[in-house]
Amino acid sequence: MLENYLPILILIGIAFAFALGSVIFSGLIGVKKPSEVKLAPYECGMPLLSSVQERFSVKFYIIAMLFILFDIECVFLYPWAVMFKRLGIFGFVEMGVFILILLVGFIYVWKKGALEWE
């Protein structure tokens, strides 16, 4: 069984060796001429307006996580829509339960005030 996987293992080893060798080799022969301009943080070509250490509100992260959560859950609707006719009433009921669970979660988040941007 090892002879079946040996070419794949060799290829993975060569890929890791090439990646590691590239990083090490470029670090050894790369030109290093740091200057104030090169070390300045890049911000779309604009001069820096505020401190880099600016803190974001926790609400920002909560809304971002909720967006990702509900967005990913909506992705599950696409395969169901494609297979809707083949799944029949069972698929319809299962998706109804799924959407109901999402709706309950959305209402809970709404009532907790997590969607309020103040």
N, C-alpha and C. Protein backbone atom coordinates (compact mmCIF):
# COMPACT_ATOMS: atom_id res chain seq x y z
N MET A 1 0.82 -1.19 0.00
CA MET A 1 0.00 0.00 0.00
C MET A 1 0.87 1.26 0.00
N LEU A 2 2.05 1.20 0.59
CA LEU A 2 2.94 2.36 0.63
C LEU A 2 3.39 2.76 -0.76
N GLU A 3 3.56 1.79 -1.66
CA GLU A 3 4.03 2.13 -3.00
C GLU A 3 2.99 2.95 -3.77
N ASN A 4 1.72 2.90 -3.37
CA ASN A 4 0.69 3.71 -4.01
C ASN A 4 0.80 5.17 -3.60
N TYR A 5 1.18 5.41 -2.36
CA TYR A 5 1.25 6.77 -1.83
C TYR A 5 2.65 7.37 -1.88
N LEU A 6 3.65 6.60 -2.20
CA LEU A 6 5.02 7.08 -2.21
C LEU A 6 5.24 8.25 -3.17
N PRO A 7 4.73 8.22 -4.42
CA PRO A 7 4.91 9.39 -5.30
C PRO A 7 4.27 10.66 -4.75
N ILE A 8 3.13 10.52 -4.10
CA ILE A 8 2.46 11.69 -3.52
C ILE A 8 3.28 12.24 -2.36
N LEU A 9 3.79 11.36 -1.51
CA LEU A 9 4.62 11.81 -0.39
C LEU A 9 5.91 12.47 -0.87
N ILE A 10 6.49 11.95 -1.93
CA ILE A 10 7.70 12.57 -2.50
C ILE A 10 7.37 13.96 -3.05
N LEU A 11 6.25 14.09 -3.74
CA LEU A 11 5.84 15.39 -4.29
C LEU A 11 5.59 16.40 -3.17
N ILE A 12 4.94 15.98 -2.10
CA ILE A 12 4.70 16.87 -0.96
C ILE A 12 6.02 17.29 -0.33
N GLY A 13 6.96 16.36 -0.20
CA GLY A 13 8.27 16.68 0.35
C GLY A 13 9.03 17.67 -0.52
N ILE A 14 8.97 17.48 -1.83
CA ILE A 14 9.64 18.41 -2.75
C ILE A 14 9.00 19.80 -2.66
N ALA A 15 7.66 19.85 -2.56
CA ALA A 15 6.97 21.14 -2.47
C ALA A 15 7.37 21.88 -1.19
N PHE A 16 7.40 21.17 -0.05
CA PHE A 16 7.81 21.80 1.20
C PHE A 16 9.27 22.25 1.14
N ALA A 17 10.14 21.43 0.57
CA ALA A 17 11.55 21.79 0.46
C ALA A 17 11.72 23.02 -0.43
N PHE A 18 10.97 23.10 -1.53
CA PHE A 18 11.06 24.26 -2.41
C PHE A 18 10.57 25.51 -1.71
N ALA A 19 9.44 25.42 -1.00
CA ALA A 19 8.91 26.59 -0.30
C ALA A 19 9.87 27.07 0.78
N LEU A 20 10.36 26.16 1.59
CA LEU A 20 11.29 26.52 2.65
C LEU A 20 12.60 27.06 2.07
N GLY A 21 13.10 26.42 1.03
CA GLY A 21 14.32 26.88 0.38
C GLY A 21 14.17 28.27 -0.22
N SER A 22 13.02 28.55 -0.81
CA SER A 22 12.78 29.87 -1.40
C SER A 22 12.80 30.96 -0.34
N VAL A 23 12.16 30.69 0.79
CA VAL A 23 12.12 31.69 1.87
C VAL A 23 13.52 31.91 2.44
N ILE A 24 14.24 30.85 2.70
CA ILE A 24 15.58 30.98 3.27
C ILE A 24 16.53 31.65 2.27
N PHE A 25 16.49 31.22 1.02
CA PHE A 25 17.39 31.77 0.00
C PHE A 25 17.13 33.26 -0.23
N SER A 26 15.86 33.67 -0.30
CA SER A 26 15.56 35.09 -0.51
C SER A 26 15.97 35.91 0.70
N GLY A 27 15.89 35.35 1.89
CA GLY A 27 16.35 36.06 3.07
C GLY A 27 17.85 36.23 3.11
N LEU A 28 18.57 35.26 2.55
CA LEU A 28 20.03 35.34 2.55
C LEU A 28 20.58 36.29 1.50
N ILE A 29 20.02 36.28 0.30
CA ILE A 29 20.60 37.09 -0.78
C ILE A 29 19.82 38.39 -1.02
N GLY A 30 18.70 38.60 -0.34
CA GLY A 30 17.90 39.80 -0.56
C GLY A 30 18.62 41.06 -0.11
N VAL A 31 18.41 42.15 -0.85
CA VAL A 31 19.01 43.44 -0.52
C VAL A 31 18.22 44.05 0.64
N LYS A 32 18.95 44.45 1.66
CA LYS A 32 18.30 45.02 2.84
C LYS A 32 18.78 46.46 3.01
N LYS A 33 17.95 47.41 2.56
CA LYS A 33 18.25 48.83 2.73
C LYS A 33 17.03 49.51 3.35
N PRO A 34 16.83 49.32 4.66
CA PRO A 34 15.66 49.94 5.28
C PRO A 34 15.79 51.46 5.33
N SER A 35 14.69 52.14 5.14
CA SER A 35 14.64 53.59 5.26
C SER A 35 13.34 53.95 5.95
N GLU A 36 13.22 55.22 6.30
CA GLU A 36 12.02 55.67 7.01
C GLU A 36 10.78 55.49 6.14
N VAL A 37 10.93 55.73 4.85
CA VAL A 37 9.80 55.60 3.93
C VAL A 37 9.39 54.14 3.79
N LYS A 38 10.35 53.24 3.69
CA LYS A 38 10.04 51.82 3.53
C LYS A 38 9.43 51.23 4.78
N LEU A 39 9.80 51.73 5.95
CA LEU A 39 9.30 51.19 7.20
C LEU A 39 7.99 51.82 7.64
N ALA A 40 7.53 52.86 6.95
CA ALA A 40 6.27 53.51 7.29
C ALA A 40 5.11 52.59 6.93
N PRO A 41 4.05 52.58 7.72
CA PRO A 41 2.90 51.72 7.40
C PRO A 41 2.21 52.23 6.14
N TYR A 42 1.87 51.31 5.27
CA TYR A 42 1.22 51.66 4.01
C TYR A 42 -0.29 51.75 4.23
N GLU A 43 -0.86 52.89 3.85
CA GLU A 43 -2.30 53.06 4.05
C GLU A 43 -2.89 53.67 2.78
N CYS A 44 -2.94 52.91 1.72
CA CYS A 44 -3.53 53.31 0.45
C CYS A 44 -2.87 54.55 -0.14
N GLY A 45 -1.60 54.75 0.10
CA GLY A 45 -0.90 55.89 -0.45
C GLY A 45 -1.18 57.19 0.26
N MET A 46 -2.01 57.17 1.28
CA MET A 46 -2.36 58.38 2.01
C MET A 46 -1.45 58.51 3.23
N PRO A 47 -1.19 59.73 3.66
CA PRO A 47 -0.41 59.89 4.90
C PRO A 47 -1.21 59.37 6.08
N LEU A 48 -0.52 58.89 7.08
CA LEU A 48 -1.14 58.32 8.27
C LEU A 48 -1.89 59.41 9.02
N LEU A 49 -3.18 59.17 9.30
CA LEU A 49 -4.01 60.19 9.93
C LEU A 49 -4.14 60.02 11.43
N SER A 50 -4.07 58.79 11.91
CA SER A 50 -4.25 58.56 13.34
C SER A 50 -3.29 57.47 13.79
N SER A 51 -3.37 57.16 15.05
CA SER A 51 -2.50 56.14 15.63
C SER A 51 -2.83 54.77 15.06
N VAL A 52 -1.82 53.97 14.89
CA VAL A 52 -2.02 52.61 14.39
C VAL A 52 -2.68 51.75 15.47
N GLN A 53 -2.53 52.13 16.71
CA GLN A 53 -3.03 51.35 17.84
C GLN A 53 -4.48 51.69 18.18
N GLU A 54 -5.24 52.25 17.23
CA GLU A 54 -6.62 52.63 17.48
C GLU A 54 -7.47 51.40 17.82
N ARG A 55 -8.30 51.54 18.84
CA ARG A 55 -9.15 50.43 19.28
C ARG A 55 -10.51 50.50 18.60
N PHE A 56 -11.03 49.32 18.27
CA PHE A 56 -12.37 49.23 17.71
C PHE A 56 -13.34 48.81 18.79
N SER A 57 -14.57 49.22 18.64
CA SER A 57 -15.60 48.82 19.59
C SER A 57 -15.88 47.33 19.45
N VAL A 58 -16.26 46.72 20.56
CA VAL A 58 -16.60 45.30 20.54
C VAL A 58 -17.82 45.07 19.66
N LYS A 59 -18.71 46.05 19.57
CA LYS A 59 -19.90 45.92 18.73
C LYS A 59 -19.51 45.65 17.27
N PHE A 60 -18.42 46.25 16.83
CA PHE A 60 -17.95 46.02 15.46
C PHE A 60 -17.69 44.54 15.23
N TYR A 61 -16.99 43.91 16.15
CA TYR A 61 -16.66 42.49 16.00
C TYR A 61 -17.91 41.61 16.13
N ILE A 62 -18.82 41.97 17.02
CA ILE A 62 -20.05 41.17 17.18
C ILE A 62 -20.87 41.22 15.90
N ILE A 63 -21.03 42.40 15.34
CA ILE A 63 -21.81 42.51 14.10
C ILE A 63 -21.10 41.79 12.96
N ALA A 64 -19.78 41.86 12.91
CA ALA A 64 -19.03 41.14 11.87
C ALA A 64 -19.22 39.64 12.00
N MET A 65 -19.15 39.12 13.23
CA MET A 65 -19.35 37.67 13.43
C MET A 65 -20.77 37.26 13.09
N LEU A 66 -21.75 38.07 13.46
CA LEU A 66 -23.14 37.74 13.14
C LEU A 66 -23.37 37.77 11.64
N PHE A 67 -22.77 38.73 10.95
CA PHE A 67 -22.90 38.77 9.49
C PHE A 67 -22.34 37.51 8.87
N ILE A 68 -21.15 37.11 9.30
CA ILE A 68 -20.54 35.90 8.76
C ILE A 68 -21.39 34.68 9.08
N LEU A 69 -21.90 34.59 10.30
CA LEU A 69 -22.72 33.45 10.70
C LEU A 69 -23.97 33.34 9.84
N PHE A 70 -24.73 34.42 9.72
CA PHE A 70 -25.97 34.35 8.95
C PHE A 70 -25.70 34.26 7.45
N ASP A 71 -24.61 34.80 6.99
CA ASP A 71 -24.25 34.70 5.58
C ASP A 71 -23.91 33.26 5.21
N ILE A 72 -23.14 32.60 6.06
CA ILE A 72 -22.78 31.20 5.79
C ILE A 72 -24.01 30.30 5.90
N GLU A 73 -24.89 30.60 6.82
CA GLU A 73 -26.11 29.80 6.92
C GLU A 73 -26.97 29.95 5.68
N CYS A 74 -26.97 31.12 5.09
CA CYS A 74 -27.77 31.32 3.87
C CYS A 74 -27.19 30.55 2.69
N VAL A 75 -25.91 30.23 2.74
CA VAL A 75 -25.29 29.44 1.67
C VAL A 75 -25.93 28.06 1.59
N PHE A 76 -26.41 27.54 2.72
CA PHE A 76 -27.04 26.23 2.72
C PHE A 76 -28.37 26.21 1.99
N LEU A 77 -28.92 27.37 1.67
CA LEU A 77 -30.17 27.42 0.93
C LEU A 77 -29.97 27.08 -0.55
N TYR A 78 -28.79 27.34 -1.09
CA TYR A 78 -28.55 27.09 -2.52
C TYR A 78 -28.62 25.61 -2.89
N PRO A 79 -27.92 24.71 -2.19
CA PRO A 79 -28.06 23.29 -2.56
C PRO A 79 -29.49 22.78 -2.38
N TRP A 80 -30.16 23.29 -1.37
CA TRP A 80 -31.55 22.88 -1.16
C TRP A 80 -32.42 23.34 -2.32
N ALA A 81 -32.20 24.56 -2.80
CA ALA A 81 -33.00 25.08 -3.91
C ALA A 81 -32.75 24.28 -5.18
N VAL A 82 -31.52 23.83 -5.38
CA VAL A 82 -31.20 23.04 -6.57
C VAL A 82 -31.88 21.68 -6.52
N MET A 83 -31.91 21.08 -5.34
CA MET A 83 -32.47 19.73 -5.19
C MET A 83 -33.92 19.74 -4.67
N PHE A 84 -34.60 20.87 -4.74
CA PHE A 84 -35.91 21.02 -4.14
C PHE A 84 -36.91 19.98 -4.60
N LYS A 85 -37.01 19.73 -5.90
CA LYS A 85 -38.01 18.80 -6.42
C LYS A 85 -37.70 17.35 -6.04
N ARG A 86 -36.40 17.00 -5.98
CA ARG A 86 -36.04 15.62 -5.64
C ARG A 86 -36.20 15.33 -4.15
N LEU A 87 -36.10 16.36 -3.31
CA LEU A 87 -36.21 16.14 -1.87
C LEU A 87 -37.65 15.97 -1.41
N GLY A 88 -38.57 16.55 -2.15
CA GLY A 88 -39.98 16.39 -1.82
C GLY A 88 -40.37 17.10 -0.54
N ILE A 89 -41.40 16.57 0.09
CA ILE A 89 -41.95 17.20 1.30
C ILE A 89 -40.98 17.08 2.47
N PHE A 90 -40.20 16.00 2.52
CA PHE A 90 -39.22 15.83 3.59
C PHE A 90 -38.18 16.97 3.57
N GLY A 91 -37.67 17.27 2.39
CA GLY A 91 -36.70 18.36 2.25
C GLY A 91 -37.31 19.71 2.58
N PHE A 92 -38.58 19.88 2.21
CA PHE A 92 -39.26 21.13 2.51
C PHE A 92 -39.42 21.33 4.02
N VAL A 93 -39.81 20.27 4.71
CA VAL A 93 -39.97 20.34 6.18
C VAL A 93 -38.63 20.56 6.85
N GLU A 94 -37.60 19.85 6.41
CA GLU A 94 -36.26 20.01 7.00
C GLU A 94 -35.75 21.44 6.82
N MET A 95 -35.95 22.02 5.63
CA MET A 95 -35.50 23.39 5.42
C MET A 95 -36.35 24.36 6.21
N GLY A 96 -37.62 24.05 6.38
CA GLY A 96 -38.47 24.88 7.23
C GLY A 96 -37.98 24.91 8.67
N VAL A 97 -37.58 23.75 9.19
CA VAL A 97 -37.02 23.69 10.54
C VAL A 97 -35.71 24.46 10.61
N PHE A 98 -34.87 24.31 9.60
CA PHE A 98 -33.59 25.03 9.55
C PHE A 98 -33.81 26.54 9.56
N ILE A 99 -34.73 27.03 8.73
CA ILE A 99 -35.01 28.46 8.67
C ILE A 99 -35.65 28.94 9.97
N LEU A 100 -36.46 28.11 10.58
CA LEU A 100 -37.07 28.47 11.88
C LEU A 100 -35.99 28.63 12.95
N ILE A 101 -35.02 27.74 12.97
CA ILE A 101 -33.92 27.85 13.94
C ILE A 101 -33.13 29.13 13.68
N LEU A 102 -32.87 29.44 12.40
CA LEU A 102 -32.18 30.69 12.07
C LEU A 102 -32.99 31.90 12.49
N LEU A 103 -34.28 31.85 12.28
CA LEU A 103 -35.15 32.96 12.65
C LEU A 103 -35.17 33.17 14.16
N VAL A 104 -35.20 32.08 14.91
CA VAL A 104 -35.17 32.18 16.38
C VAL A 104 -33.85 32.81 16.82
N GLY A 105 -32.75 32.38 16.23
CA GLY A 105 -31.45 32.97 16.55
C GLY A 105 -31.39 34.44 16.19
N PHE A 106 -31.93 34.81 15.03
CA PHE A 106 -31.95 36.20 14.62
C PHE A 106 -32.78 37.06 15.56
N ILE A 107 -33.95 36.57 15.95
CA ILE A 107 -34.80 37.31 16.89
C ILE A 107 -34.11 37.46 18.24
N TYR A 108 -33.43 36.41 18.70
CA TYR A 108 -32.70 36.47 19.97
C TYR A 108 -31.62 37.55 19.91
N VAL A 109 -30.86 37.56 18.82
CA VAL A 109 -29.79 38.56 18.67
C VAL A 109 -30.38 39.96 18.59
N TRP A 110 -31.49 40.09 17.91
CA TRP A 110 -32.15 41.39 17.77
C TRP A 110 -32.64 41.89 19.13
N LYS A 111 -33.29 41.01 19.90
CA LYS A 111 -33.81 41.40 21.22
C LYS A 111 -32.69 41.72 22.20
N LYS A 112 -31.55 41.07 22.08
CA LYS A 112 -30.40 41.36 22.95
C LYS A 112 -29.74 42.69 22.61
N GLY A 113 -30.08 43.26 21.45
CA GLY A 113 -29.52 44.54 21.05
C GLY A 113 -28.17 44.45 20.38
N ALA A 114 -27.80 43.26 19.92
CA ALA A 114 -26.48 43.10 19.29
C ALA A 114 -26.42 43.76 17.93
N LEU A 115 -27.56 44.05 17.32
CA LEU A 115 -27.56 44.69 16.01
C LEU A 115 -27.66 46.20 16.08
N GLU A 116 -27.71 46.76 17.28
CA GLU A 116 -27.77 48.21 17.46
C GLU A 116 -26.38 48.80 17.32
N TRP A 117 -26.23 49.71 16.39
CA TRP A 117 -24.92 50.35 16.18
C TRP A 117 -24.97 51.74 16.77
N GLU A 118 -24.34 51.91 17.92
CA GLU A 118 -24.39 53.20 18.62
C GLU A 118 -23.05 53.85 18.66
